[in-house]
Structure formats: structure tokens, C-alpha cells
Amino acid sequence: MKKIVALLLSLCLVLGVASAMAAGEKIALITMDSIDQHWITLNEGAQKAAEELGVTVTFMSPNTKDDAQQIECVNNAVAGGYQAIIVAANGPDAISSALNEAVEAGVKIVYVDSPANVEAEATFSTDNEAAGKTAGEEMIKALTEAGITSGDIGIVNVNAATDSTVKREAGFRSAFEGTEYNILETQYGEGDAAKSQTIAENYITQGVVGIFGGNEGSTTGIGNAIKASGNTGVIGVGFDKSDAIQGLIKDGYLLCTMAQNPDVMGYEGVQAAVKAIAGEDLGHAVTDTGVSVLTKDSLQ
């Protein structure tokens, strides 16, 4: 009888703790900006998990990719009493001090998409280097089929610091090792579609045979530049799957894009944050959330 009572008391305690956790957990979601469709989709995945788990997830991201704004978001989350921060770091070092202060305050850190140089409970992201290499291989295949076995290739990336996009570029470049193609010096458009378009237009004027975009804004800019130039012989390959990018692929201005799964990042990130708040050791695991190649054929 005593064993049964003890078991019931233990069960009630577990259920009570779980209920209290679900009722009181506050999680901040801080991405690089709040505008790109990639981050909006990531937030949708996070909110789905939050609804299922009965926790609050606040999307408190900067309006644009700006280190100072992202640091402010982290500081606001700590000051606001959030128990966990899910973050896609704009750069590996810029927000490290703010994140360290958050950790010292007892806040759990989970990375999505792109980490910083502060140890987190868990990370959910694309295998960016492998995906970048796939992008390069897709470009090489298209160029070869068009009878183009050499020529200059441009790269439009976000910046020289963001972990995810730096790895994508490294993977892309690795695909061209041992070929006759010449990869030009990378130009940075800060993930802004208009700036990226201007860079891509300059590449096209230089006579490139292909251009690679490191993220949503970069890829949109490349597609728009090829469209504006009327030179559909330039092979454009990029990352992410916004409506604009998919439209550019369907219309033949981009060859393909590496479609990530930001909704999975957000969903799994919230689940991990809740477990971390509950005291579960997640082992600092890094989970590959997958990528697929979207082409004109696959979108029809």
C-alpha cells in the first residue's frame, strides 16, 4: 500500500512539474532578421511546437541583419526573464559576450541555422558545406550540358562572418576544384536583394557564366539580375525557397535553389529548449535538418 501511495505521489509530482513548466516557460526566438521568408517560416515551426507544448515563444528579431540590434534582442530577452533563447547568430563572435552573459544568468541557449562561438544545449541546422557543394555540382552539370567547360563564376554572399553562409561558400568552391572554371572574389550584399542584384549585374557585365547566391536575399538578387539582363545563359544557383525564388526558377532565371527546412529548425529548436529548461542534458548535439534541390521540374 505504501509503495502505491509513493508511486501516486511521484506521478502527481511529475505531472505537476510538467504542468508548471508548460504554464510558465518563456522562450525567445532571435533570428538574423524578421523579414526574410526563411525566418518567418522558422518562426511558424517554432510557434507550432509552442502551441503543442503550451509554452510561450516570442519572435523578437531585428528588422535587418545588424549585430548591434541582435545583441540588444539577446539583452532584452535576459532582462525579460526568458528561460531560453533560440538564436540564429548573425556572426560567430559579435553576440558571444551577450550570449555568455545570458548563460551566466541561467538562460539556456539553442542554435538554429547558424551558431555563435558559445556552447549551446543543441543546434539544428543544414549541413551547409555539403549543401554548398551540391549547389556547385548542379551548376557544373548545367554548364557542361550547355557545352561550357570553363569561364568565370561569381559569388554573392551575405558577409564574411556568418557561419552558415561561409560554409555554403566553402562547399560551393570545393565542387570546382580540379575544373577549368575560375571562381572570382566573393562580393557581399548583406543578404539584401537590391544590393545583391547590383553585384550580380556587375558580374554579368564582366561576362561570368554562373553566379552563386549564399542566402535568400542573395539568390533573389541574382535571379532578378539575370532577368533584367535578359541573359538567361548565365546559370544562377542559390539557397532558400521563398516565393520570389521559386517564381524565378519557374520562369527560367535561376537553375535551382538549395531548399532548407527552417520550419523543422524552429519546431525542433523549441522542443529542445523546453527539455533544456527542464534540466535534460541534450549533449550539445548538432542535428542536420536536411536540404533538397528545387528545380523547375520539381516545382511543376
C-alpha atoms as a PDB file:
ATOM      1  CA  MET A   1       0.000   0.000   0.000  1.00  0.00           C
ATOM      2  CA  LYS A   2       2.837   2.385   0.924  1.00  0.00           C
ATOM      3  CA  LYS A   3       4.505   1.642  -2.429  1.00  0.00           C
ATOM      4  CA  ILE A   4       1.304   2.500  -4.304  1.00  0.00           C
ATOM      5  CA  VAL A   5       0.901   5.781  -2.394  1.00  0.00           C
ATOM      6  CA  ALA A   6       4.529   6.677  -3.040  1.00  0.00           C
ATOM      7  CA  LEU A   7       4.094   5.892  -6.730  1.00  0.00           C
ATOM      8  CA  LEU A   8       0.973   8.059  -6.945  1.00  0.00           C
ATOM      9  CA  LEU A   9       2.691  10.909  -5.143  1.00  0.00           C
ATOM     10  CA  SER A  10       5.651  10.635  -7.508  1.00  0.00           C
ATOM     11  CA  LEU A  11       3.352  10.645 -10.530  1.00  0.00           C
ATOM     12  CA  CYS A  12       1.489  13.688  -9.244  1.00  0.00           C
ATOM     13  CA  LEU A  13       4.779  15.476  -8.668  1.00  0.00           C
ATOM     14  CA  VAL A  14       5.947  14.747 -12.239  1.00  0.00           C
ATOM     15  CA  LEU A  15       2.631  15.872 -13.727  1.00  0.00           C
ATOM     16  CA  GLY A  16       2.621  18.954 -11.525  1.00  0.00           C
ATOM     17  CA  VAL A  17       6.139  19.931 -12.563  1.00  0.00           C
ATOM     18  CA  ALA A  18       5.307  19.367 -16.253  1.00  0.00           C
ATOM     19  CA  SER A  19       2.155  21.452 -15.920  1.00  0.00           C
ATOM     20  CA  ALA A  20       4.004  24.246 -14.124  1.00  0.00           C
ATOM     21  CA  MET A  21       6.718  24.191 -16.775  1.00  0.00           C
ATOM     22  CA  ALA A  22       4.220  24.351 -19.613  1.00  0.00           C
ATOM     23  CA  ALA A  23       2.386  27.218 -17.949  1.00  0.00           C
ATOM     24  CA  GLY A  24       5.430  29.324 -17.192  1.00  0.00           C
ATOM     25  CA  GLU A  25       8.061  28.759 -19.849  1.00  0.00           C
ATOM     26  CA  LYS A  26       9.075  31.806 -21.874  1.00  0.00           C
ATOM     27  CA  ILE A  27      11.355  31.261 -24.860  1.00  0.00           C
ATOM     28  CA  ALA A  28      12.812  33.995 -27.075  1.00  0.00           C
ATOM     29  CA  LEU A  29      13.362  33.321 -30.771  1.00  0.00           C
ATOM     30  CA  ILE A  30      16.037  35.629 -32.203  1.00  0.00           C
ATOM     31  CA  THR A  31      16.892  35.185 -35.884  1.00  0.00           C
ATOM     32  CA  MET A  32      19.109  37.318 -38.136  1.00  0.00           C
ATOM     33  CA  ASP A  33      16.161  39.448 -39.207  1.00  0.00           C
ATOM     34  CA  SER A  34      12.376  39.330 -39.197  1.00  0.00           C
ATOM     35  CA  ILE A  35      11.835  39.947 -42.907  1.00  0.00           C
ATOM     36  CA  ASP A  36      13.238  37.037 -44.948  1.00  0.00           C
ATOM     37  CA  GLN A  37      10.680  34.344 -45.632  1.00  0.00           C
ATOM     38  CA  HIS A  38      13.216  31.826 -44.290  1.00  0.00           C
ATOM     39  CA  TRP A  39      12.941  33.306 -40.786  1.00  0.00           C
ATOM     40  CA  ILE A  40       9.181  33.737 -40.987  1.00  0.00           C
ATOM     41  CA  THR A  41       8.854  30.036 -41.819  1.00  0.00           C
ATOM     42  CA  LEU A  42      11.244  29.153 -38.993  1.00  0.00           C
ATOM     43  CA  ASN A  43       9.057  31.129 -36.600  1.00  0.00           C
ATOM     44  CA  GLU A  44       5.961  29.290 -37.854  1.00  0.00           C
ATOM     45  CA  GLY A  45       7.603  25.978 -36.980  1.00  0.00           C
ATOM     46  CA  ALA A  46       8.535  27.332 -33.556  1.00  0.00           C
ATOM     47  CA  GLN A  47       5.010  28.565 -32.879  1.00  0.00           C
ATOM     48  CA  LYS A  48       3.579  25.180 -33.844  1.00  0.00           C
ATOM     49  CA  ALA A  49       5.770  23.473 -31.258  1.00  0.00           C
ATOM     50  CA  ALA A  50       4.947  26.157 -28.683  1.00  0.00           C
ATOM     51  CA  GLU A  51       1.222  25.574 -29.145  1.00  0.00           C
ATOM     52  CA  GLU A  52       1.631  21.811 -28.794  1.00  0.00           C
ATOM     53  CA  LEU A  53       3.747  22.165 -25.647  1.00  0.00           C
ATOM     54  CA  GLY A  54       1.809  25.001 -24.078  1.00  0.00           C
ATOM     55  CA  VAL A  55       4.756  27.401 -23.860  1.00  0.00           C
ATOM     56  CA  THR A  56       5.302  30.984 -24.995  1.00  0.00           C
ATOM     57  CA  VAL A  57       7.718  31.688 -27.833  1.00  0.00           C
ATOM     58  CA  THR A  58       8.312  35.355 -28.605  1.00  0.00           C
ATOM     59  CA  PHE A  59       9.709  36.215 -32.038  1.00  0.00           C
ATOM     60  CA  MET A  60      11.922  39.179 -31.140  1.00  0.00           C
ATOM     61  CA  SER A  61      14.279  39.547 -34.097  1.00  0.00           C
ATOM     62  CA  PRO A  62      15.839  42.708 -35.551  1.00  0.00           C
ATOM     63  CA  ASN A  63      14.416  44.351 -38.653  1.00  0.00           C
ATOM     64  CA  THR A  64      17.658  43.863 -40.537  1.00  0.00           C
ATOM     65  CA  LYS A  65      20.869  41.860 -40.250  1.00  0.00           C
ATOM     66  CA  ASP A  66      22.658  44.005 -37.700  1.00  0.00           C
ATOM     67  CA  ASP A  67      24.934  42.804 -34.892  1.00  0.00           C
ATOM     68  CA  ALA A  68      24.052  45.639 -32.524  1.00  0.00           C
ATOM     69  CA  GLN A  69      20.332  45.008 -32.934  1.00  0.00           C
ATOM     70  CA  GLN A  70      20.782  41.284 -32.375  1.00  0.00           C
ATOM     71  CA  ILE A  71      22.793  41.924 -29.210  1.00  0.00           C
ATOM     72  CA  GLU A  72      20.006  44.204 -27.991  1.00  0.00           C
ATOM     73  CA  CYS A  73      17.477  41.429 -28.610  1.00  0.00           C
ATOM     74  CA  VAL A  74      19.552  38.977 -26.528  1.00  0.00           C
ATOM     75  CA  ASN A  75      19.888  41.514 -23.695  1.00  0.00           C
ATOM     76  CA  ASN A  76      16.151  42.214 -23.788  1.00  0.00           C
ATOM     77  CA  ALA A  77      15.392  38.504 -23.546  1.00  0.00           C
ATOM     78  CA  VAL A  78      17.587  38.159 -20.459  1.00  0.00           C
ATOM     79  CA  ALA A  79      16.090  41.271 -18.865  1.00  0.00           C
ATOM     80  CA  GLY A  80      12.608  39.978 -19.696  1.00  0.00           C
ATOM     81  CA  GLY A  81      13.085  36.791 -17.741  1.00  0.00           C
ATOM     82  CA  TYR A  82      13.123  34.347 -20.647  1.00  0.00           C
ATOM     83  CA  GLN A  83      14.373  30.917 -19.620  1.00  0.00           C
ATOM     84  CA  ALA A  84      15.730  30.027 -23.064  1.00  0.00           C
ATOM     85  CA  ILE A  85      16.904  31.788 -26.211  1.00  0.00           C
ATOM     86  CA  ILE A  86      16.717  30.136 -29.616  1.00  0.00           C
ATOM     87  CA  VAL A  87      19.087  32.073 -31.839  1.00  0.00           C
ATOM     88  CA  ALA A  88      20.403  32.183 -35.400  1.00  0.00           C
ATOM     89  CA  ALA A  89      23.612  34.145 -34.933  1.00  0.00           C
ATOM     90  CA  ASN A  90      24.408  36.863 -37.454  1.00  0.00           C
ATOM     91  CA  GLY A  91      28.089  36.145 -36.806  1.00  0.00           C
ATOM     92  CA  PRO A  92      30.040  33.693 -34.650  1.00  0.00           C
ATOM     93  CA  ASP A  93      31.707  36.317 -32.442  1.00  0.00           C
ATOM     94  CA  ALA A  94      29.665  39.517 -32.407  1.00  0.00           C
ATOM     95  CA  ILE A  95      26.977  38.344 -29.974  1.00  0.00           C
ATOM     96  CA  SER A  96      29.168  35.941 -27.992  1.00  0.00           C
ATOM     97  CA  SER A  97      29.566  38.282 -25.000  1.00  0.00           C
ATOM     98  CA  ALA A  98      25.815  38.835 -24.811  1.00  0.00           C
ATOM     99  CA  LEU A  99      25.168  35.093 -25.038  1.00  0.00           C
ATOM    100  CA  ASN A 100      27.768  34.357 -22.351  1.00  0.00           C
ATOM    101  CA  GLU A 101      26.025  36.824 -20.060  1.00  0.00           C
ATOM    102  CA  ALA A 102      22.743  35.073 -20.813  1.00  0.00           C
ATOM    103  CA  VAL A 103      24.246  31.706 -19.904  1.00  0.00           C
ATOM    104  CA  GLU A 104      25.630  33.159 -16.670  1.00  0.00           C
ATOM    105  CA  ALA A 105      22.100  34.357 -15.885  1.00  0.00           C
ATOM    106  CA  GLY A 106      20.847  30.778 -16.238  1.00  0.00           C
ATOM    107  CA  VAL A 107      19.341  31.120 -19.711  1.00  0.00           C
ATOM    108  CA  LYS A 108      19.504  28.042 -21.955  1.00  0.00           C
ATOM    109  CA  ILE A 109      20.843  28.592 -25.496  1.00  0.00           C
ATOM    110  CA  VAL A 110      19.730  26.646 -28.563  1.00  0.00           C
ATOM    111  CA  TYR A 111      21.023  27.430 -32.057  1.00  0.00           C
ATOM    112  CA  VAL A 112      19.031  27.272 -35.273  1.00  0.00           C
ATOM    113  CA  ASP A 113      20.506  27.770 -38.752  1.00  0.00           C
ATOM    114  CA  SER A 114      23.773  29.410 -37.670  1.00  0.00           C
ATOM    115  CA  PRO A 115      25.690  29.179 -34.362  1.00  0.00           C
ATOM    116  CA  ALA A 116      27.944  31.553 -32.444  1.00  0.00           C
ATOM    117  CA  ASN A 117      31.127  30.664 -30.572  1.00  0.00           C
ATOM    118  CA  VAL A 118      29.332  29.942 -27.310  1.00  0.00           C
ATOM    119  CA  GLU A 119      28.448  26.382 -26.337  1.00  0.00           C
ATOM    120  CA  ALA A 120      24.724  25.697 -26.702  1.00  0.00           C
ATOM    121  CA  GLU A 121      22.421  22.970 -25.445  1.00  0.00           C
ATOM    122  CA  ALA A 122      21.752  21.867 -29.048  1.00  0.00           C
ATOM    123  CA  THR A 123      21.969  23.060 -32.655  1.00  0.00           C
ATOM    124  CA  PHE A 124      19.549  22.483 -35.542  1.00  0.00           C
ATOM    125  CA  SER A 125      20.850  23.471 -38.964  1.00  0.00           C
ATOM    126  CA  THR A 126      21.542  22.453 -42.527  1.00  0.00           C
ATOM    127  CA  ASP A 127      24.812  20.675 -43.318  1.00  0.00           C
ATOM    128  CA  ASN A 128      25.782  23.874 -45.090  1.00  0.00           C
ATOM    129  CA  GLU A 129      29.107  22.801 -46.541  1.00  0.00           C
ATOM    130  CA  ALA A 130      27.604  19.670 -48.091  1.00  0.00           C
ATOM    131  CA  ALA A 131      24.656  21.660 -49.449  1.00  0.00           C
ATOM    132  CA  GLY A 132      27.015  24.271 -50.908  1.00  0.00           C
ATOM    133  CA  LYS A 133      28.945  21.545 -52.675  1.00  0.00           C
ATOM    134  CA  THR A 134      25.690  20.192 -54.097  1.00  0.00           C
ATOM    135  CA  ALA A 135      24.899  23.673 -55.429  1.00  0.00           C
ATOM    136  CA  GLY A 136      28.286  23.757 -57.166  1.00  0.00           C
ATOM    137  CA  GLU A 137      27.753  20.310 -58.661  1.00  0.00           C
ATOM    138  CA  GLU A 138      24.354  21.360 -60.019  1.00  0.00           C
ATOM    139  CA  MET A 139      25.930  24.402 -61.679  1.00  0.00           C
ATOM    140  CA  ILE A 140      28.751  22.348 -63.197  1.00  0.00           C
ATOM    141  CA  LYS A 141      26.273  19.849 -64.587  1.00  0.00           C
ATOM    142  CA  ALA A 142      24.177  22.589 -66.221  1.00  0.00           C
ATOM    143  CA  LEU A 143      27.219  24.363 -67.648  1.00  0.00           C
ATOM    144  CA  THR A 144      28.607  21.100 -69.040  1.00  0.00           C
ATOM    145  CA  GLU A 145      25.282  20.266 -70.665  1.00  0.00           C
ATOM    146  CA  ALA A 146      25.377  23.712 -72.291  1.00  0.00           C
ATOM    147  CA  GLY A 147      28.878  22.975 -73.628  1.00  0.00           C
ATOM    148  CA  ILE A 148      30.568  25.448 -71.275  1.00  0.00           C
ATOM    149  CA  THR A 149      33.597  23.812 -69.656  1.00  0.00           C
ATOM    150  CA  SER A 150      35.436  26.932 -68.470  1.00  0.00           C
ATOM    151  CA  GLY A 151      34.764  30.557 -67.537  1.00  0.00           C
ATOM    152  CA  ASP A 152      34.394  32.923 -64.604  1.00  0.00           C
ATOM    153  CA  ILE A 153      31.889  32.331 -61.807  1.00  0.00           C
ATOM    154  CA  GLY A 154      30.743  34.943 -59.308  1.00  0.00           C
ATOM    155  CA  ILE A 155      29.636  34.515 -55.707  1.00  0.00           C
ATOM    156  CA  VAL A 156      27.217  36.840 -53.911  1.00  0.00           C
ATOM    157  CA  ASN A 157      27.290  36.125 -50.195  1.00  0.00           C
ATOM    158  CA  VAL A 158      25.927  37.811 -47.068  1.00  0.00           C
ATOM    159  CA  ASN A 159      29.160  38.678 -45.252  1.00  0.00           C
ATOM    160  CA  ALA A 160      32.480  37.133 -44.311  1.00  0.00           C
ATOM    161  CA  ALA A 161      31.379  36.128 -40.810  1.00  0.00           C
ATOM    162  CA  THR A 162      28.047  34.278 -40.726  1.00  0.00           C
ATOM    163  CA  ASP A 163      28.862  30.633 -40.038  1.00  0.00           C
ATOM    164  CA  SER A 164      26.163  29.083 -42.240  1.00  0.00           C
ATOM    165  CA  THR A 165      26.803  31.127 -45.369  1.00  0.00           C
ATOM    166  CA  VAL A 166      30.594  30.935 -45.030  1.00  0.00           C
ATOM    167  CA  LYS A 167      30.317  27.138 -45.009  1.00  0.00           C
ATOM    168  CA  ARG A 168      27.983  27.184 -48.025  1.00  0.00           C
ATOM    169  CA  GLU A 169      30.561  29.171 -49.977  1.00  0.00           C
ATOM    170  CA  ALA A 170      33.343  26.801 -48.924  1.00  0.00           C
ATOM    171  CA  GLY A 171      31.293  23.824 -50.097  1.00  0.00           C
ATOM    172  CA  PHE A 172      30.446  25.542 -53.383  1.00  0.00           C
ATOM    173  CA  ARG A 173      34.082  26.370 -54.089  1.00  0.00           C
ATOM    174  CA  SER A 174      35.144  22.801 -53.295  1.00  0.00           C
ATOM    175  CA  ALA A 175      32.931  21.477 -56.098  1.00  0.00           C
ATOM    176  CA  PHE A 176      35.069  23.349 -58.661  1.00  0.00           C
ATOM    177  CA  GLU A 177      38.434  22.040 -57.528  1.00  0.00           C
ATOM    178  CA  GLY A 178      40.242  20.447 -60.459  1.00  0.00           C
ATOM    179  CA  THR A 179      37.984  22.080 -63.082  1.00  0.00           C
ATOM    180  CA  GLU A 180      38.764  24.771 -65.668  1.00  0.00           C
ATOM    181  CA  TYR A 181      36.316  27.251 -64.129  1.00  0.00           C
ATOM    182  CA  ASN A 182      37.609  30.350 -62.324  1.00  0.00           C
ATOM    183  CA  ILE A 183      35.848  31.422 -59.130  1.00  0.00           C
ATOM    184  CA  LEU A 184      36.039  35.206 -58.763  1.00  0.00           C
ATOM    185  CA  GLU A 185      36.491  37.061 -55.495  1.00  0.00           C
ATOM    186  CA  THR A 186      33.328  36.926 -53.393  1.00  0.00           C
ATOM    187  CA  GLN A 187      31.189  40.060 -53.185  1.00  0.00           C
ATOM    188  CA  TYR A 188      28.941  40.745 -50.180  1.00  0.00           C
ATOM    189  CA  GLY A 189      25.398  42.107 -50.375  1.00  0.00           C
ATOM    190  CA  GLU A 190      24.448  41.714 -46.688  1.00  0.00           C
ATOM    191  CA  GLY A 191      21.560  39.477 -47.668  1.00  0.00           C
ATOM    192  CA  ASP A 192      19.805  42.455 -49.253  1.00  0.00           C
ATOM    193  CA  ALA A 193      18.118  41.593 -52.560  1.00  0.00           C
ATOM    194  CA  ALA A 194      18.667  45.026 -54.136  1.00  0.00           C
ATOM    195  CA  LYS A 195      22.358  45.188 -53.200  1.00  0.00           C
ATOM    196  CA  SER A 196      22.839  41.601 -54.345  1.00  0.00           C
ATOM    197  CA  GLN A 197      21.186  42.383 -57.682  1.00  0.00           C
ATOM    198  CA  THR A 198      23.617  45.241 -58.298  1.00  0.00           C
ATOM    199  CA  ILE A 199      26.573  42.955 -57.544  1.00  0.00           C
ATOM    200  CA  ALA A 200      25.183  40.248 -59.821  1.00  0.00           C
ATOM    201  CA  GLU A 201      24.602  42.754 -62.628  1.00  0.00           C
ATOM    202  CA  ASN A 202      28.273  43.753 -62.390  1.00  0.00           C
ATOM    203  CA  TYR A 203      29.278  40.094 -62.598  1.00  0.00           C
ATOM    204  CA  ILE A 204      27.121  39.648 -65.699  1.00  0.00           C
ATOM    205  CA  THR A 205      28.756  42.708 -67.295  1.00  0.00           C
ATOM    206  CA  GLN A 206      32.134  41.019 -66.653  1.00  0.00           C
ATOM    207  CA  GLY A 207      30.964  38.008 -68.671  1.00  0.00           C
ATOM    208  CA  VAL A 208      30.538  35.360 -65.978  1.00  0.00           C
ATOM    209  CA  VAL A 209      29.000  32.023 -66.910  1.00  0.00           C
ATOM    210  CA  GLY A 210      27.447  31.418 -63.494  1.00  0.00           C
ATOM    211  CA  ILE A 211      26.614  33.100 -60.176  1.00  0.00           C
ATOM    212  CA  PHE A 212      26.028  31.543 -56.757  1.00  0.00           C
ATOM    213  CA  GLY A 213      23.913  33.139 -54.015  1.00  0.00           C
ATOM    214  CA  GLY A 214      24.546  32.329 -50.352  1.00  0.00           C
ATOM    215  CA  ASN A 215      21.093  33.030 -48.906  1.00  0.00           C
ATOM    216  CA  GLU A 216      17.549  34.158 -49.736  1.00  0.00           C
ATOM    217  CA  GLY A 217      18.298  37.810 -50.451  1.00  0.00           C
ATOM    218  CA  SER A 218      21.463  36.995 -52.410  1.00  0.00           C
ATOM    219  CA  THR A 219      19.639  34.423 -54.534  1.00  0.00           C
ATOM    220  CA  THR A 220      16.691  36.717 -55.233  1.00  0.00           C
ATOM    221  CA  GLY A 221      19.110  39.434 -56.321  1.00  0.00           C
ATOM    222  CA  ILE A 222      20.920  37.066 -58.679  1.00  0.00           C
ATOM    223  CA  GLY A 223      17.687  35.907 -60.295  1.00  0.00           C
ATOM    224  CA  ASN A 224      16.466  39.471 -60.731  1.00  0.00           C
ATOM    225  CA  ALA A 225      19.810  40.491 -62.274  1.00  0.00           C
ATOM    226  CA  ILE A 226      19.682  37.657 -64.815  1.00  0.00           C
ATOM    227  CA  LYS A 227      16.069  38.558 -65.595  1.00  0.00           C
ATOM    228  CA  ALA A 228      16.911  42.244 -66.050  1.00  0.00           C
ATOM    229  CA  SER A 229      19.883  41.469 -68.287  1.00  0.00           C
ATOM    230  CA  GLY A 230      17.929  39.088 -70.490  1.00  0.00           C
ATOM    231  CA  ASN A 231      20.977  36.812 -70.456  1.00  0.00           C
ATOM    232  CA  THR A 232      19.426  33.503 -69.429  1.00  0.00           C
ATOM    233  CA  GLY A 233      22.665  31.785 -70.449  1.00  0.00           C
ATOM    234  CA  VAL A 234      24.124  32.763 -67.083  1.00  0.00           C
ATOM    235  CA  ILE A 235      23.497  29.914 -64.625  1.00  0.00           C
ATOM    236  CA  GLY A 236      22.139  31.122 -61.291  1.00  0.00           C
ATOM    237  CA  VAL A 237      22.147  28.804 -58.283  1.00  0.00           C
ATOM    238  CA  GLY A 238      21.314  29.712 -54.720  1.00  0.00           C
ATOM    239  CA  PHE A 239      19.829  28.958 -51.314  1.00  0.00           C
ATOM    240  CA  ASP A 240      16.369  29.074 -49.686  1.00  0.00           C
ATOM    241  CA  LYS A 241      12.850  28.694 -51.062  1.00  0.00           C
ATOM    242  CA  SER A 242      10.917  31.941 -50.887  1.00  0.00           C
ATOM    243  CA  ASP A 243       8.007  32.597 -53.224  1.00  0.00           C
ATOM    244  CA  ALA A 244      10.178  35.039 -55.181  1.00  0.00           C
ATOM    245  CA  ILE A 245      12.948  32.474 -55.663  1.00  0.00           C
ATOM    246  CA  GLN A 246      10.538  29.763 -56.734  1.00  0.00           C
ATOM    247  CA  GLY A 247       8.998  32.179 -59.250  1.00  0.00           C
ATOM    248  CA  LEU A 248      12.438  32.976 -60.693  1.00  0.00           C
ATOM    249  CA  ILE A 249      13.153  29.252 -61.071  1.00  0.00           C
ATOM    250  CA  LYS A 250       9.809  28.603 -62.784  1.00  0.00           C
ATOM    251  CA  ASP A 251      10.462  31.494 -65.200  1.00  0.00           C
ATOM    252  CA  GLY A 252      13.938  30.175 -66.058  1.00  0.00           C
ATOM    253  CA  TYR A 253      16.053  32.906 -64.465  1.00  0.00           C
ATOM    254  CA  LEU A 254      17.505  30.599 -61.807  1.00  0.00           C
ATOM    255  CA  LEU A 255      18.569  26.999 -62.345  1.00  0.00           C
ATOM    256  CA  CYS A 256      17.826  25.789 -58.826  1.00  0.00           C
ATOM    257  CA  THR A 257      17.972  26.536 -55.134  1.00  0.00           C
ATOM    258  CA  MET A 258      19.048  24.549 -52.098  1.00  0.00           C
ATOM    259  CA  ALA A 259      15.820  24.411 -50.084  1.00  0.00           C
ATOM    260  CA  GLN A 260      16.387  24.203 -46.360  1.00  0.00           C
ATOM    261  CA  ASN A 261      13.789  23.228 -43.763  1.00  0.00           C
ATOM    262  CA  PRO A 262      13.517  26.241 -41.453  1.00  0.00           C
ATOM    263  CA  ASP A 263      10.168  25.052 -40.098  1.00  0.00           C
ATOM    264  CA  VAL A 264      11.924  21.920 -38.807  1.00  0.00           C
ATOM    265  CA  MET A 265      14.673  24.074 -37.252  1.00  0.00           C
ATOM    266  CA  GLY A 266      12.094  26.146 -35.396  1.00  0.00           C
ATOM    267  CA  TYR A 267       9.968  23.197 -34.299  1.00  0.00           C
ATOM    268  CA  GLU A 268      12.889  21.101 -33.068  1.00  0.00           C
ATOM    269  CA  GLY A 269      14.525  24.159 -31.507  1.00  0.00           C
ATOM    270  CA  VAL A 270      11.534  24.800 -29.253  1.00  0.00           C
ATOM    271  CA  GLN A 271      11.310  21.153 -28.238  1.00  0.00           C
ATOM    272  CA  ALA A 272      14.999  21.202 -27.318  1.00  0.00           C
ATOM    273  CA  ALA A 273      14.632  24.454 -25.379  1.00  0.00           C
ATOM    274  CA  VAL A 274      11.788  23.022 -23.292  1.00  0.00           C
ATOM    275  CA  LYS A 275      13.847  19.924 -22.495  1.00  0.00           C
ATOM    276  CA  ALA A 276      16.858  22.057 -21.561  1.00  0.00           C
ATOM    277  CA  ILE A 277      14.759  24.230 -19.236  1.00  0.00           C
ATOM    278  CA  ALA A 278      13.538  21.038 -17.578  1.00  0.00           C
ATOM    279  CA  GLY A 279      17.138  20.108 -16.857  1.00  0.00           C
ATOM    280  CA  GLU A 280      17.619  17.467 -19.548  1.00  0.00           C
ATOM    281  CA  ASP A 281      21.167  17.113 -20.879  1.00  0.00           C
ATOM    282  CA  LEU A 282      20.993  17.399 -24.664  1.00  0.00           C
ATOM    283  CA  GLY A 283      24.701  16.692 -25.096  1.00  0.00           C
ATOM    284  CA  HIS A 284      25.337  19.802 -27.268  1.00  0.00           C
ATOM    285  CA  ALA A 285      24.140  17.711 -30.228  1.00  0.00           C
ATOM    286  CA  VAL A 286      24.160  19.133 -33.765  1.00  0.00           C
ATOM    287  CA  THR A 287      21.230  17.929 -35.878  1.00  0.00           C
ATOM    288  CA  ASP A 288      21.166  18.166 -39.688  1.00  0.00           C
ATOM    289  CA  THR A 289      17.676  19.354 -40.639  1.00  0.00           C
ATOM    290  CA  GLY A 290      18.130  18.431 -44.295  1.00  0.00           C
ATOM    291  CA  VAL A 291      18.094  20.141 -47.671  1.00  0.00           C
ATOM    292  CA  SER A 292      16.603  19.412 -51.103  1.00  0.00           C
ATOM    293  CA  VAL A 293      17.317  20.722 -54.595  1.00  0.00           C
ATOM    294  CA  LEU A 294      14.396  22.670 -56.064  1.00  0.00           C
ATOM    295  CA  THR A 295      14.384  22.870 -59.869  1.00  0.00           C
ATOM    296  CA  LYS A 296      11.858  23.967 -62.461  1.00  0.00           C
ATOM    297  CA  ASP A 297      10.777  20.344 -62.931  1.00  0.00           C
ATOM    298  CA  SER A 298      10.277  19.738 -59.206  1.00  0.00           C
ATOM    299  CA  LEU A 299       8.160  22.873 -58.864  1.00  0.00           C
ATOM    300  CA  GLN A 300       5.733  21.965 -61.645  1.00  0.00           C
END
